[in-house]
Protein backbone atom coordinates (compact mmCIF):
# COMPACT_ATOMS: atom_id res chain seq x y z
CA UNK A 1 -52.42 95.18 228.96
CA UNK A 2 -53.76 93.66 225.77
CA UNK A 3 -56.23 91.57 227.75
CA UNK A 4 -57.68 94.69 229.36
CA UNK A 5 -57.97 96.37 225.97
CA UNK A 6 -59.84 93.37 224.55
CA UNK A 7 -62.13 93.27 227.60
CA UNK A 8 -62.88 96.99 227.27
CA UNK A 9 -63.74 96.58 223.58
CA UNK A 10 -66.02 93.62 224.33
CA UNK A 11 -67.66 95.58 227.15
CA UNK A 12 -68.40 98.53 224.83
CA UNK A 13 -69.83 96.19 222.19
CA UNK A 14 -72.07 94.55 224.81
CA UNK A 15 -73.31 97.96 225.98
CA UNK A 16 -74.15 98.96 222.40
CA UNK A 17 -76.05 95.70 221.84
CA UNK A 18 -77.91 96.11 225.15
CA UNK A 19 -78.91 99.70 224.33
CA UNK A 20 -80.15 98.59 220.90
CA UNK A 21 -82.23 95.82 222.50
CA UNK A 22 -83.72 98.26 225.03
CA UNK A 23 -84.64 100.72 222.28
CA UNK A 24 -86.28 97.95 220.26
CA UNK A 25 -88.22 96.77 223.31
CA UNK A 26 -89.35 100.32 224.12
CA UNK A 27 -90.94 100.53 220.68
CA UNK A 28 -92.74 97.23 221.28
CA UNK A 29 -93.86 98.31 224.77
CA UNK A 30 -95.15 101.63 223.38
CA UNK A 31 -97.21 99.80 220.74
CA UNK A 32 -98.68 97.48 223.38
CA UNK A 33 -99.59 100.42 225.65
CA UNK A 34 -101.29 102.25 222.78
CA UNK A 35 -103.24 99.08 221.97
CA UNK A 36 -104.42 98.68 225.58
CA UNK A 37 -105.34 102.38 225.80
CA UNK A 38 -107.47 102.03 222.67
CA UNK A 39 -109.13 98.92 224.11
CA UNK A 40 -109.92 100.56 227.45
CA UNK A 41 -111.01 103.99 226.27
CA UNK A 42 -112.48 102.95 222.93
CA UNK A 43 -115.31 100.93 224.46
CA UNK A 44 -116.55 103.64 226.87
């Protein structure tokens, strides 16, 4: 039973780390999209 408890805790920690990484990458992707939008529509 202790092994399952440890695995559940590790799984939750991994999910939290993955969500944090996705949120960080969404910010970076949003900045890149804004940059490309300014490049495309700024020159017209």
